[in-house]
Amino acid sequence: ELPDCTKRQVIEKLTGDLIYTRNGA
């Protein structure tokens, strides 16, 4: 799914998956 599929791109997308819910948001 990533345009160039560099190692940094994969790492950036993984950090974006670190999601939690606080006060319903």
PDBML (XML) file of the C-alpha atoms, coordinates in Angstrom:
<?xml version="1.0" encoding="UTF-8" ?>
<PDBx:datablock datablockName="MODEL"
   xmlns:PDBx="http://pdbml.pdb.org/schema/pdbx-v50.xsd"
   xmlns:xsi="http://www.w3.org/2001/XMLSchema-instance"
   xsi:schemaLocation="http://pdbml.pdb.org/schema/pdbx-v50.xsd pdbx-v50.xsd">
   <PDBx:atom_siteCategory>
      <PDBx:atom_site id="1">
         <PDBx:B_iso_or_equiv>0.00</PDBx:B_iso_or_equiv>
         <PDBx:Cartn_x>0.000</PDBx:Cartn_x>
         <PDBx:Cartn_y>0.000</PDBx:Cartn_y>
         <PDBx:Cartn_z>0.000</PDBx:Cartn_z>
         <PDBx:auth_asym_id>A</PDBx:auth_asym_id>
         <PDBx:auth_atom_id>CA</PDBx:auth_atom_id>
         <PDBx:auth_comp_id>GLU</PDBx:auth_comp_id>
         <PDBx:auth_seq_id>1</PDBx:auth_seq_id>
         <PDBx:group_PDB>ATOM</PDBx:group_PDB>
         <PDBx:label_alt_id xsi:nil="true" />
         <PDBx:label_asym_id>A</PDBx:label_asym_id>
         <PDBx:label_atom_id>CA</PDBx:label_atom_id>
         <PDBx:label_comp_id>GLU</PDBx:label_comp_id>
         <PDBx:label_entity_id>1</PDBx:label_entity_id>
         <PDBx:label_seq_id>1</PDBx:label_seq_id>
         <PDBx:occupancy>1.00</PDBx:occupancy>
         <PDBx:pdbx_PDB_model_num>1</PDBx:pdbx_PDB_model_num>
         <PDBx:type_symbol>C</PDBx:type_symbol>
      </PDBx:atom_site>
      <PDBx:atom_site id="2">
         <PDBx:B_iso_or_equiv>0.00</PDBx:B_iso_or_equiv>
         <PDBx:Cartn_x>2.982</PDBx:Cartn_x>
         <PDBx:Cartn_y>2.317</PDBx:Cartn_y>
         <PDBx:Cartn_z>0.533</PDBx:Cartn_z>
         <PDBx:auth_asym_id>A</PDBx:auth_asym_id>
         <PDBx:auth_atom_id>CA</PDBx:auth_atom_id>
         <PDBx:auth_comp_id>LEU</PDBx:auth_comp_id>
         <PDBx:auth_seq_id>2</PDBx:auth_seq_id>
         <PDBx:group_PDB>ATOM</PDBx:group_PDB>
         <PDBx:label_alt_id xsi:nil="true" />
         <PDBx:label_asym_id>A</PDBx:label_asym_id>
         <PDBx:label_atom_id>CA</PDBx:label_atom_id>
         <PDBx:label_comp_id>LEU</PDBx:label_comp_id>
         <PDBx:label_entity_id>1</PDBx:label_entity_id>
         <PDBx:label_seq_id>2</PDBx:label_seq_id>
         <PDBx:occupancy>1.00</PDBx:occupancy>
         <PDBx:pdbx_PDB_model_num>1</PDBx:pdbx_PDB_model_num>
         <PDBx:type_symbol>C</PDBx:type_symbol>
      </PDBx:atom_site>
      <PDBx:atom_site id="3">
         <PDBx:B_iso_or_equiv>0.00</PDBx:B_iso_or_equiv>
         <PDBx:Cartn_x>4.266</PDBx:Cartn_x>
         <PDBx:Cartn_y>4.247</PDBx:Cartn_y>
         <PDBx:Cartn_z>-2.528</PDBx:Cartn_z>
         <PDBx:auth_asym_id>A</PDBx:auth_asym_id>
         <PDBx:auth_atom_id>CA</PDBx:auth_atom_id>
         <PDBx:auth_comp_id>PRO</PDBx:auth_comp_id>
         <PDBx:auth_seq_id>3</PDBx:auth_seq_id>
         <PDBx:group_PDB>ATOM</PDBx:group_PDB>
         <PDBx:label_alt_id xsi:nil="true" />
         <PDBx:label_asym_id>A</PDBx:label_asym_id>
         <PDBx:label_atom_id>CA</PDBx:label_atom_id>
         <PDBx:label_comp_id>PRO</PDBx:label_comp_id>
         <PDBx:label_entity_id>1</PDBx:label_entity_id>
         <PDBx:label_seq_id>3</PDBx:label_seq_id>
         <PDBx:occupancy>1.00</PDBx:occupancy>
         <PDBx:pdbx_PDB_model_num>1</PDBx:pdbx_PDB_model_num>
         <PDBx:type_symbol>C</PDBx:type_symbol>
      </PDBx:atom_site>
      <PDBx:atom_site id="4">
         <PDBx:B_iso_or_equiv>0.00</PDBx:B_iso_or_equiv>
         <PDBx:Cartn_x>7.973</PDBx:Cartn_x>
         <PDBx:Cartn_y>3.413</PDBx:Cartn_y>
         <PDBx:Cartn_z>-2.171</PDBx:Cartn_z>
         <PDBx:auth_asym_id>A</PDBx:auth_asym_id>
         <PDBx:auth_atom_id>CA</PDBx:auth_atom_id>
         <PDBx:auth_comp_id>ASP</PDBx:auth_comp_id>
         <PDBx:auth_seq_id>4</PDBx:auth_seq_id>
         <PDBx:group_PDB>ATOM</PDBx:group_PDB>
         <PDBx:label_alt_id xsi:nil="true" />
         <PDBx:label_asym_id>A</PDBx:label_asym_id>
         <PDBx:label_atom_id>CA</PDBx:label_atom_id>
         <PDBx:label_comp_id>ASP</PDBx:label_comp_id>
         <PDBx:label_entity_id>1</PDBx:label_entity_id>
         <PDBx:label_seq_id>4</PDBx:label_seq_id>
         <PDBx:occupancy>1.00</PDBx:occupancy>
         <PDBx:pdbx_PDB_model_num>1</PDBx:pdbx_PDB_model_num>
         <PDBx:type_symbol>C</PDBx:type_symbol>
      </PDBx:atom_site>
      <PDBx:atom_site id="5">
         <PDBx:B_iso_or_equiv>0.00</PDBx:B_iso_or_equiv>
         <PDBx:Cartn_x>7.788</PDBx:Cartn_x>
         <PDBx:Cartn_y>0.881</PDBx:Cartn_y>
         <PDBx:Cartn_z>0.662</PDBx:Cartn_z>
         <PDBx:auth_asym_id>A</PDBx:auth_asym_id>
         <PDBx:auth_atom_id>CA</PDBx:auth_atom_id>
         <PDBx:auth_comp_id>CYS</PDBx:auth_comp_id>
         <PDBx:auth_seq_id>5</PDBx:auth_seq_id>
         <PDBx:group_PDB>ATOM</PDBx:group_PDB>
         <PDBx:label_alt_id xsi:nil="true" />
         <PDBx:label_asym_id>A</PDBx:label_asym_id>
         <PDBx:label_atom_id>CA</PDBx:label_atom_id>
         <PDBx:label_comp_id>CYS</PDBx:label_comp_id>
         <PDBx:label_entity_id>1</PDBx:label_entity_id>
         <PDBx:label_seq_id>5</PDBx:label_seq_id>
         <PDBx:occupancy>1.00</PDBx:occupancy>
         <PDBx:pdbx_PDB_model_num>1</PDBx:pdbx_PDB_model_num>
         <PDBx:type_symbol>C</PDBx:type_symbol>
      </PDBx:atom_site>
      <PDBx:atom_site id="6">
         <PDBx:B_iso_or_equiv>0.00</PDBx:B_iso_or_equiv>
         <PDBx:Cartn_x>10.918</PDBx:Cartn_x>
         <PDBx:Cartn_y>2.126</PDBx:Cartn_y>
         <PDBx:Cartn_z>2.388</PDBx:Cartn_z>
         <PDBx:auth_asym_id>A</PDBx:auth_asym_id>
         <PDBx:auth_atom_id>CA</PDBx:auth_atom_id>
         <PDBx:auth_comp_id>THR</PDBx:auth_comp_id>
         <PDBx:auth_seq_id>6</PDBx:auth_seq_id>
         <PDBx:group_PDB>ATOM</PDBx:group_PDB>
         <PDBx:label_alt_id xsi:nil="true" />
         <PDBx:label_asym_id>A</PDBx:label_asym_id>
         <PDBx:label_atom_id>CA</PDBx:label_atom_id>
         <PDBx:label_comp_id>THR</PDBx:label_comp_id>
         <PDBx:label_entity_id>1</PDBx:label_entity_id>
         <PDBx:label_seq_id>6</PDBx:label_seq_id>
         <PDBx:occupancy>1.00</PDBx:occupancy>
         <PDBx:pdbx_PDB_model_num>1</PDBx:pdbx_PDB_model_num>
         <PDBx:type_symbol>C</PDBx:type_symbol>
      </PDBx:atom_site>
      <PDBx:atom_site id="7">
         <PDBx:B_iso_or_equiv>0.00</PDBx:B_iso_or_equiv>
         <PDBx:Cartn_x>11.779</PDBx:Cartn_x>
         <PDBx:Cartn_y>0.914</PDBx:Cartn_y>
         <PDBx:Cartn_z>5.841</PDBx:Cartn_z>
         <PDBx:auth_asym_id>A</PDBx:auth_asym_id>
         <PDBx:auth_atom_id>CA</PDBx:auth_atom_id>
         <PDBx:auth_comp_id>LYS</PDBx:auth_comp_id>
         <PDBx:auth_seq_id>7</PDBx:auth_seq_id>
         <PDBx:group_PDB>ATOM</PDBx:group_PDB>
         <PDBx:label_alt_id xsi:nil="true" />
         <PDBx:label_asym_id>A</PDBx:label_asym_id>
         <PDBx:label_atom_id>CA</PDBx:label_atom_id>
         <PDBx:label_comp_id>LYS</PDBx:label_comp_id>
         <PDBx:label_entity_id>1</PDBx:label_entity_id>
         <PDBx:label_seq_id>7</PDBx:label_seq_id>
         <PDBx:occupancy>1.00</PDBx:occupancy>
         <PDBx:pdbx_PDB_model_num>1</PDBx:pdbx_PDB_model_num>
         <PDBx:type_symbol>C</PDBx:type_symbol>
      </PDBx:atom_site>
      <PDBx:atom_site id="8">
         <PDBx:B_iso_or_equiv>0.00</PDBx:B_iso_or_equiv>
         <PDBx:Cartn_x>11.077</PDBx:Cartn_x>
         <PDBx:Cartn_y>4.373</PDBx:Cartn_y>
         <PDBx:Cartn_z>7.266</PDBx:Cartn_z>
         <PDBx:auth_asym_id>A</PDBx:auth_asym_id>
         <PDBx:auth_atom_id>CA</PDBx:auth_atom_id>
         <PDBx:auth_comp_id>ARG</PDBx:auth_comp_id>
         <PDBx:auth_seq_id>8</PDBx:auth_seq_id>
         <PDBx:group_PDB>ATOM</PDBx:group_PDB>
         <PDBx:label_alt_id xsi:nil="true" />
         <PDBx:label_asym_id>A</PDBx:label_asym_id>
         <PDBx:label_atom_id>CA</PDBx:label_atom_id>
         <PDBx:label_comp_id>ARG</PDBx:label_comp_id>
         <PDBx:label_entity_id>1</PDBx:label_entity_id>
         <PDBx:label_seq_id>8</PDBx:label_seq_id>
         <PDBx:occupancy>1.00</PDBx:occupancy>
         <PDBx:pdbx_PDB_model_num>1</PDBx:pdbx_PDB_model_num>
         <PDBx:type_symbol>C</PDBx:type_symbol>
      </PDBx:atom_site>
      <PDBx:atom_site id="9">
         <PDBx:B_iso_or_equiv>0.00</PDBx:B_iso_or_equiv>
         <PDBx:Cartn_x>7.630</PDBx:Cartn_x>
         <PDBx:Cartn_y>4.436</PDBx:Cartn_y>
         <PDBx:Cartn_z>5.630</PDBx:Cartn_z>
         <PDBx:auth_asym_id>A</PDBx:auth_asym_id>
         <PDBx:auth_atom_id>CA</PDBx:auth_atom_id>
         <PDBx:auth_comp_id>GLN</PDBx:auth_comp_id>
         <PDBx:auth_seq_id>9</PDBx:auth_seq_id>
         <PDBx:group_PDB>ATOM</PDBx:group_PDB>
         <PDBx:label_alt_id xsi:nil="true" />
         <PDBx:label_asym_id>A</PDBx:label_asym_id>
         <PDBx:label_atom_id>CA</PDBx:label_atom_id>
         <PDBx:label_comp_id>GLN</PDBx:label_comp_id>
         <PDBx:label_entity_id>1</PDBx:label_entity_id>
         <PDBx:label_seq_id>9</PDBx:label_seq_id>
         <PDBx:occupancy>1.00</PDBx:occupancy>
         <PDBx:pdbx_PDB_model_num>1</PDBx:pdbx_PDB_model_num>
         <PDBx:type_symbol>C</PDBx:type_symbol>
      </PDBx:atom_site>
      <PDBx:atom_site id="10">
         <PDBx:B_iso_or_equiv>0.00</PDBx:B_iso_or_equiv>
         <PDBx:Cartn_x>6.723</PDBx:Cartn_x>
         <PDBx:Cartn_y>1.141</PDBx:Cartn_y>
         <PDBx:Cartn_z>7.278</PDBx:Cartn_z>
         <PDBx:auth_asym_id>A</PDBx:auth_asym_id>
         <PDBx:auth_atom_id>CA</PDBx:auth_atom_id>
         <PDBx:auth_comp_id>VAL</PDBx:auth_comp_id>
         <PDBx:auth_seq_id>10</PDBx:auth_seq_id>
         <PDBx:group_PDB>ATOM</PDBx:group_PDB>
         <PDBx:label_alt_id xsi:nil="true" />
         <PDBx:label_asym_id>A</PDBx:label_asym_id>
         <PDBx:label_atom_id>CA</PDBx:label_atom_id>
         <PDBx:label_comp_id>VAL</PDBx:label_comp_id>
         <PDBx:label_entity_id>1</PDBx:label_entity_id>
         <PDBx:label_seq_id>10</PDBx:label_seq_id>
         <PDBx:occupancy>1.00</PDBx:occupancy>
         <PDBx:pdbx_PDB_model_num>1</PDBx:pdbx_PDB_model_num>
         <PDBx:type_symbol>C</PDBx:type_symbol>
      </PDBx:atom_site>
      <PDBx:atom_site id="11">
         <PDBx:B_iso_or_equiv>0.00</PDBx:B_iso_or_equiv>
         <PDBx:Cartn_x>7.923</PDBx:Cartn_x>
         <PDBx:Cartn_y>2.441</PDBx:Cartn_y>
         <PDBx:Cartn_z>10.646</PDBx:Cartn_z>
         <PDBx:auth_asym_id>A</PDBx:auth_asym_id>
         <PDBx:auth_atom_id>CA</PDBx:auth_atom_id>
         <PDBx:auth_comp_id>ILE</PDBx:auth_comp_id>
         <PDBx:auth_seq_id>11</PDBx:auth_seq_id>
         <PDBx:group_PDB>ATOM</PDBx:group_PDB>
         <PDBx:label_alt_id xsi:nil="true" />
         <PDBx:label_asym_id>A</PDBx:label_asym_id>
         <PDBx:label_atom_id>CA</PDBx:label_atom_id>
         <PDBx:label_comp_id>ILE</PDBx:label_comp_id>
         <PDBx:label_entity_id>1</PDBx:label_entity_id>
         <PDBx:label_seq_id>11</PDBx:label_seq_id>
         <PDBx:occupancy>1.00</PDBx:occupancy>
         <PDBx:pdbx_PDB_model_num>1</PDBx:pdbx_PDB_model_num>
         <PDBx:type_symbol>C</PDBx:type_symbol>
      </PDBx:atom_site>
      <PDBx:atom_site id="12">
         <PDBx:B_iso_or_equiv>0.00</PDBx:B_iso_or_equiv>
         <PDBx:Cartn_x>5.962</PDBx:Cartn_x>
         <PDBx:Cartn_y>5.690</PDBx:Cartn_y>
         <PDBx:Cartn_z>10.243</PDBx:Cartn_z>
         <PDBx:auth_asym_id>A</PDBx:auth_asym_id>
         <PDBx:auth_atom_id>CA</PDBx:auth_atom_id>
         <PDBx:auth_comp_id>GLU</PDBx:auth_comp_id>
         <PDBx:auth_seq_id>12</PDBx:auth_seq_id>
         <PDBx:group_PDB>ATOM</PDBx:group_PDB>
         <PDBx:label_alt_id xsi:nil="true" />
         <PDBx:label_asym_id>A</PDBx:label_asym_id>
         <PDBx:label_atom_id>CA</PDBx:label_atom_id>
         <PDBx:label_comp_id>GLU</PDBx:label_comp_id>
         <PDBx:label_entity_id>1</PDBx:label_entity_id>
         <PDBx:label_seq_id>12</PDBx:label_seq_id>
         <PDBx:occupancy>1.00</PDBx:occupancy>
         <PDBx:pdbx_PDB_model_num>1</PDBx:pdbx_PDB_model_num>
         <PDBx:type_symbol>C</PDBx:type_symbol>
      </PDBx:atom_site>
      <PDBx:atom_site id="13">
         <PDBx:B_iso_or_equiv>0.00</PDBx:B_iso_or_equiv>
         <PDBx:Cartn_x>2.774</PDBx:Cartn_x>
         <PDBx:Cartn_y>3.788</PDBx:Cartn_y>
         <PDBx:Cartn_z>9.401</PDBx:Cartn_z>
         <PDBx:auth_asym_id>A</PDBx:auth_asym_id>
         <PDBx:auth_atom_id>CA</PDBx:auth_atom_id>
         <PDBx:auth_comp_id>LYS</PDBx:auth_comp_id>
         <PDBx:auth_seq_id>13</PDBx:auth_seq_id>
         <PDBx:group_PDB>ATOM</PDBx:group_PDB>
         <PDBx:label_alt_id xsi:nil="true" />
         <PDBx:label_asym_id>A</PDBx:label_asym_id>
         <PDBx:label_atom_id>CA</PDBx:label_atom_id>
         <PDBx:label_comp_id>LYS</PDBx:label_comp_id>
         <PDBx:label_entity_id>1</PDBx:label_entity_id>
         <PDBx:label_seq_id>13</PDBx:label_seq_id>
         <PDBx:occupancy>1.00</PDBx:occupancy>
         <PDBx:pdbx_PDB_model_num>1</PDBx:pdbx_PDB_model_num>
         <PDBx:type_symbol>C</PDBx:type_symbol>
      </PDBx:atom_site>
      <PDBx:atom_site id="14">
         <PDBx:B_iso_or_equiv>0.00</PDBx:B_iso_or_equiv>
         <PDBx:Cartn_x>3.236</PDBx:Cartn_x>
         <PDBx:Cartn_y>1.520</PDBx:Cartn_y>
         <PDBx:Cartn_z>12.408</PDBx:Cartn_z>
         <PDBx:auth_asym_id>A</PDBx:auth_asym_id>
         <PDBx:auth_atom_id>CA</PDBx:auth_atom_id>
         <PDBx:auth_comp_id>LEU</PDBx:auth_comp_id>
         <PDBx:auth_seq_id>14</PDBx:auth_seq_id>
         <PDBx:group_PDB>ATOM</PDBx:group_PDB>
         <PDBx:label_alt_id xsi:nil="true" />
         <PDBx:label_asym_id>A</PDBx:label_asym_id>
         <PDBx:label_atom_id>CA</PDBx:label_atom_id>
         <PDBx:label_comp_id>LEU</PDBx:label_comp_id>
         <PDBx:label_entity_id>1</PDBx:label_entity_id>
         <PDBx:label_seq_id>14</PDBx:label_seq_id>
         <PDBx:occupancy>1.00</PDBx:occupancy>
         <PDBx:pdbx_PDB_model_num>1</PDBx:pdbx_PDB_model_num>
         <PDBx:type_symbol>C</PDBx:type_symbol>
      </PDBx:atom_site>
      <PDBx:atom_site id="15">
         <PDBx:B_iso_or_equiv>0.00</PDBx:B_iso_or_equiv>
         <PDBx:Cartn_x>3.644</PDBx:Cartn_x>
         <PDBx:Cartn_y>4.490</PDBx:Cartn_y>
         <PDBx:Cartn_z>14.748</PDBx:Cartn_z>
         <PDBx:auth_asym_id>A</PDBx:auth_asym_id>
         <PDBx:auth_atom_id>CA</PDBx:auth_atom_id>
         <PDBx:auth_comp_id>THR</PDBx:auth_comp_id>
         <PDBx:auth_seq_id>15</PDBx:auth_seq_id>
         <PDBx:group_PDB>ATOM</PDBx:group_PDB>
         <PDBx:label_alt_id xsi:nil="true" />
         <PDBx:label_asym_id>A</PDBx:label_asym_id>
         <PDBx:label_atom_id>CA</PDBx:label_atom_id>
         <PDBx:label_comp_id>THR</PDBx:label_comp_id>
         <PDBx:label_entity_id>1</PDBx:label_entity_id>
         <PDBx:label_seq_id>15</PDBx:label_seq_id>
         <PDBx:occupancy>1.00</PDBx:occupancy>
         <PDBx:pdbx_PDB_model_num>1</PDBx:pdbx_PDB_model_num>
         <PDBx:type_symbol>C</PDBx:type_symbol>
      </PDBx:atom_site>
      <PDBx:atom_site id="16">
         <PDBx:B_iso_or_equiv>0.00</PDBx:B_iso_or_equiv>
         <PDBx:Cartn_x>0.378</PDBx:Cartn_x>
         <PDBx:Cartn_y>5.813</PDBx:Cartn_y>
         <PDBx:Cartn_z>13.299</PDBx:Cartn_z>
         <PDBx:auth_asym_id>A</PDBx:auth_asym_id>
         <PDBx:auth_atom_id>CA</PDBx:auth_atom_id>
         <PDBx:auth_comp_id>GLY</PDBx:auth_comp_id>
         <PDBx:auth_seq_id>16</PDBx:auth_seq_id>
         <PDBx:group_PDB>ATOM</PDBx:group_PDB>
         <PDBx:label_alt_id xsi:nil="true" />
         <PDBx:label_asym_id>A</PDBx:label_asym_id>
         <PDBx:label_atom_id>CA</PDBx:label_atom_id>
         <PDBx:label_comp_id>GLY</PDBx:label_comp_id>
         <PDBx:label_entity_id>1</PDBx:label_entity_id>
         <PDBx:label_seq_id>16</PDBx:label_seq_id>
         <PDBx:occupancy>1.00</PDBx:occupancy>
         <PDBx:pdbx_PDB_model_num>1</PDBx:pdbx_PDB_model_num>
         <PDBx:type_symbol>C</PDBx:type_symbol>
      </PDBx:atom_site>
      <PDBx:atom_site id="17">
         <PDBx:B_iso_or_equiv>0.00</PDBx:B_iso_or_equiv>
         <PDBx:Cartn_x>-1.317</PDBx:Cartn_x>
         <PDBx:Cartn_y>2.583</PDBx:Cartn_y>
         <PDBx:Cartn_z>14.427</PDBx:Cartn_z>
         <PDBx:auth_asym_id>A</PDBx:auth_asym_id>
         <PDBx:auth_atom_id>CA</PDBx:auth_atom_id>
         <PDBx:auth_comp_id>ASP</PDBx:auth_comp_id>
         <PDBx:auth_seq_id>17</PDBx:auth_seq_id>
         <PDBx:group_PDB>ATOM</PDBx:group_PDB>
         <PDBx:label_alt_id xsi:nil="true" />
         <PDBx:label_asym_id>A</PDBx:label_asym_id>
         <PDBx:label_atom_id>CA</PDBx:label_atom_id>
         <PDBx:label_comp_id>ASP</PDBx:label_comp_id>
         <PDBx:label_entity_id>1</PDBx:label_entity_id>
         <PDBx:label_seq_id>17</PDBx:label_seq_id>
         <PDBx:occupancy>1.00</PDBx:occupancy>
         <PDBx:pdbx_PDB_model_num>1</PDBx:pdbx_PDB_model_num>
         <PDBx:type_symbol>C</PDBx:type_symbol>
      </PDBx:atom_site>
      <PDBx:atom_site id="18">
         <PDBx:B_iso_or_equiv>0.00</PDBx:B_iso_or_equiv>
         <PDBx:Cartn_x>-0.518</PDBx:Cartn_x>
         <PDBx:Cartn_y>3.323</PDBx:Cartn_y>
         <PDBx:Cartn_z>18.087</PDBx:Cartn_z>
         <PDBx:auth_asym_id>A</PDBx:auth_asym_id>
         <PDBx:auth_atom_id>CA</PDBx:auth_atom_id>
         <PDBx:auth_comp_id>LEU</PDBx:auth_comp_id>
         <PDBx:auth_seq_id>18</PDBx:auth_seq_id>
         <PDBx:group_PDB>ATOM</PDBx:group_PDB>
         <PDBx:label_alt_id xsi:nil="true" />
         <PDBx:label_asym_id>A</PDBx:label_asym_id>
         <PDBx:label_atom_id>CA</PDBx:label_atom_id>
         <PDBx:label_comp_id>LEU</PDBx:label_comp_id>
         <PDBx:label_entity_id>1</PDBx:label_entity_id>
         <PDBx:label_seq_id>18</PDBx:label_seq_id>
         <PDBx:occupancy>1.00</PDBx:occupancy>
         <PDBx:pdbx_PDB_model_num>1</PDBx:pdbx_PDB_model_num>
         <PDBx:type_symbol>C</PDBx:type_symbol>
      </PDBx:atom_site>
      <PDBx:atom_site id="19">
         <PDBx:B_iso_or_equiv>0.00</PDBx:B_iso_or_equiv>
         <PDBx:Cartn_x>-4.051</PDBx:Cartn_x>
         <PDBx:Cartn_y>4.486</PDBx:Cartn_y>
         <PDBx:Cartn_z>18.841</PDBx:Cartn_z>
         <PDBx:auth_asym_id>A</PDBx:auth_asym_id>
         <PDBx:auth_atom_id>CA</PDBx:auth_atom_id>
         <PDBx:auth_comp_id>ILE</PDBx:auth_comp_id>
         <PDBx:auth_seq_id>19</PDBx:auth_seq_id>
         <PDBx:group_PDB>ATOM</PDBx:group_PDB>
         <PDBx:label_alt_id xsi:nil="true" />
         <PDBx:label_asym_id>A</PDBx:label_asym_id>
         <PDBx:label_atom_id>CA</PDBx:label_atom_id>
         <PDBx:label_comp_id>ILE</PDBx:label_comp_id>
         <PDBx:label_entity_id>1</PDBx:label_entity_id>
         <PDBx:label_seq_id>19</PDBx:label_seq_id>
         <PDBx:occupancy>1.00</PDBx:occupancy>
         <PDBx:pdbx_PDB_model_num>1</PDBx:pdbx_PDB_model_num>
         <PDBx:type_symbol>C</PDBx:type_symbol>
      </PDBx:atom_site>
      <PDBx:atom_site id="20">
         <PDBx:B_iso_or_equiv>0.00</PDBx:B_iso_or_equiv>
         <PDBx:Cartn_x>-6.005</PDBx:Cartn_x>
         <PDBx:Cartn_y>4.595</PDBx:Cartn_y>
         <PDBx:Cartn_z>22.086</PDBx:Cartn_z>
         <PDBx:auth_asym_id>A</PDBx:auth_asym_id>
         <PDBx:auth_atom_id>CA</PDBx:auth_atom_id>
         <PDBx:auth_comp_id>TYR</PDBx:auth_comp_id>
         <PDBx:auth_seq_id>20</PDBx:auth_seq_id>
         <PDBx:group_PDB>ATOM</PDBx:group_PDB>
         <PDBx:label_alt_id xsi:nil="true" />
         <PDBx:label_asym_id>A</PDBx:label_asym_id>
         <PDBx:label_atom_id>CA</PDBx:label_atom_id>
         <PDBx:label_comp_id>TYR</PDBx:label_comp_id>
         <PDBx:label_entity_id>1</PDBx:label_entity_id>
         <PDBx:label_seq_id>20</PDBx:label_seq_id>
         <PDBx:occupancy>1.00</PDBx:occupancy>
         <PDBx:pdbx_PDB_model_num>1</PDBx:pdbx_PDB_model_num>
         <PDBx:type_symbol>C</PDBx:type_symbol>
      </PDBx:atom_site>
      <PDBx:atom_site id="21">
         <PDBx:B_iso_or_equiv>0.00</PDBx:B_iso_or_equiv>
         <PDBx:Cartn_x>-9.366</PDBx:Cartn_x>
         <PDBx:Cartn_y>5.955</PDBx:Cartn_y>
         <PDBx:Cartn_z>23.223</PDBx:Cartn_z>
         <PDBx:auth_asym_id>A</PDBx:auth_asym_id>
         <PDBx:auth_atom_id>CA</PDBx:auth_atom_id>
         <PDBx:auth_comp_id>THR</PDBx:auth_comp_id>
         <PDBx:auth_seq_id>21</PDBx:auth_seq_id>
         <PDBx:group_PDB>ATOM</PDBx:group_PDB>
         <PDBx:label_alt_id xsi:nil="true" />
         <PDBx:label_asym_id>A</PDBx:label_asym_id>
         <PDBx:label_atom_id>CA</PDBx:label_atom_id>
         <PDBx:label_comp_id>THR</PDBx:label_comp_id>
         <PDBx:label_entity_id>1</PDBx:label_entity_id>
         <PDBx:label_seq_id>21</PDBx:label_seq_id>
         <PDBx:occupancy>1.00</PDBx:occupancy>
         <PDBx:pdbx_PDB_model_num>1</PDBx:pdbx_PDB_model_num>
         <PDBx:type_symbol>C</PDBx:type_symbol>
      </PDBx:atom_site>
      <PDBx:atom_site id="22">
         <PDBx:B_iso_or_equiv>0.00</PDBx:B_iso_or_equiv>
         <PDBx:Cartn_x>-9.648</PDBx:Cartn_x>
         <PDBx:Cartn_y>8.728</PDBx:Cartn_y>
         <PDBx:Cartn_z>25.795</PDBx:Cartn_z>
         <PDBx:auth_asym_id>A</PDBx:auth_asym_id>
         <PDBx:auth_atom_id>CA</PDBx:auth_atom_id>
         <PDBx:auth_comp_id>ARG</PDBx:auth_comp_id>
         <PDBx:auth_seq_id>22</PDBx:auth_seq_id>
         <PDBx:group_PDB>ATOM</PDBx:group_PDB>
         <PDBx:label_alt_id xsi:nil="true" />
         <PDBx:label_asym_id>A</PDBx:label_asym_id>
         <PDBx:label_atom_id>CA</PDBx:label_atom_id>
         <PDBx:label_comp_id>ARG</PDBx:label_comp_id>
         <PDBx:label_entity_id>1</PDBx:label_entity_id>
         <PDBx:label_seq_id>22</PDBx:label_seq_id>
         <PDBx:occupancy>1.00</PDBx:occupancy>
         <PDBx:pdbx_PDB_model_num>1</PDBx:pdbx_PDB_model_num>
         <PDBx:type_symbol>C</PDBx:type_symbol>
      </PDBx:atom_site>
      <PDBx:atom_site id="23">
         <PDBx:B_iso_or_equiv>0.00</PDBx:B_iso_or_equiv>
         <PDBx:Cartn_x>-12.974</PDBx:Cartn_x>
         <PDBx:Cartn_y>10.272</PDBx:Cartn_y>
         <PDBx:Cartn_z>26.807</PDBx:Cartn_z>
         <PDBx:auth_asym_id>A</PDBx:auth_asym_id>
         <PDBx:auth_atom_id>CA</PDBx:auth_atom_id>
         <PDBx:auth_comp_id>ASN</PDBx:auth_comp_id>
         <PDBx:auth_seq_id>23</PDBx:auth_seq_id>
         <PDBx:group_PDB>ATOM</PDBx:group_PDB>
         <PDBx:label_alt_id xsi:nil="true" />
         <PDBx:label_asym_id>A</PDBx:label_asym_id>
         <PDBx:label_atom_id>CA</PDBx:label_atom_id>
         <PDBx:label_comp_id>ASN</PDBx:label_comp_id>
         <PDBx:label_entity_id>1</PDBx:label_entity_id>
         <PDBx:label_seq_id>23</PDBx:label_seq_id>
         <PDBx:occupancy>1.00</PDBx:occupancy>
         <PDBx:pdbx_PDB_model_num>1</PDBx:pdbx_PDB_model_num>
         <PDBx:type_symbol>C</PDBx:type_symbol>
      </PDBx:atom_site>
      <PDBx:atom_site id="24">
         <PDBx:B_iso_or_equiv>0.00</PDBx:B_iso_or_equiv>
         <PDBx:Cartn_x>-14.660</PDBx:Cartn_x>
         <PDBx:Cartn_y>8.562</PDBx:Cartn_y>
         <PDBx:Cartn_z>23.873</PDBx:Cartn_z>
         <PDBx:auth_asym_id>A</PDBx:auth_asym_id>
         <PDBx:auth_atom_id>CA</PDBx:auth_atom_id>
         <PDBx:auth_comp_id>GLY</PDBx:auth_comp_id>
         <PDBx:auth_seq_id>24</PDBx:auth_seq_id>
         <PDBx:group_PDB>ATOM</PDBx:group_PDB>
         <PDBx:label_alt_id xsi:nil="true" />
         <PDBx:label_asym_id>A</PDBx:label_asym_id>
         <PDBx:label_atom_id>CA</PDBx:label_atom_id>
         <PDBx:label_comp_id>GLY</PDBx:label_comp_id>
         <PDBx:label_entity_id>1</PDBx:label_entity_id>
         <PDBx:label_seq_id>24</PDBx:label_seq_id>
         <PDBx:occupancy>1.00</PDBx:occupancy>
         <PDBx:pdbx_PDB_model_num>1</PDBx:pdbx_PDB_model_num>
         <PDBx:type_symbol>C</PDBx:type_symbol>
      </PDBx:atom_site>
      <PDBx:atom_site id="25">
         <PDBx:B_iso_or_equiv>0.00</PDBx:B_iso_or_equiv>
         <PDBx:Cartn_x>-12.267</PDBx:Cartn_x>
         <PDBx:Cartn_y>9.984</PDBx:Cartn_y>
         <PDBx:Cartn_z>21.273</PDBx:Cartn_z>
         <PDBx:auth_asym_id>A</PDBx:auth_asym_id>
         <PDBx:auth_atom_id>CA</PDBx:auth_atom_id>
         <PDBx:auth_comp_id>ALA</PDBx:auth_comp_id>
         <PDBx:auth_seq_id>25</PDBx:auth_seq_id>
         <PDBx:group_PDB>ATOM</PDBx:group_PDB>
         <PDBx:label_alt_id xsi:nil="true" />
         <PDBx:label_asym_id>A</PDBx:label_asym_id>
         <PDBx:label_atom_id>CA</PDBx:label_atom_id>
         <PDBx:label_comp_id>ALA</PDBx:label_comp_id>
         <PDBx:label_entity_id>1</PDBx:label_entity_id>
         <PDBx:label_seq_id>25</PDBx:label_seq_id>
         <PDBx:occupancy>1.00</PDBx:occupancy>
         <PDBx:pdbx_PDB_model_num>1</PDBx:pdbx_PDB_model_num>
         <PDBx:type_symbol>C</PDBx:type_symbol>
      </PDBx:atom_site>
   </PDBx:atom_siteCategory>
</PDBx:datablock>
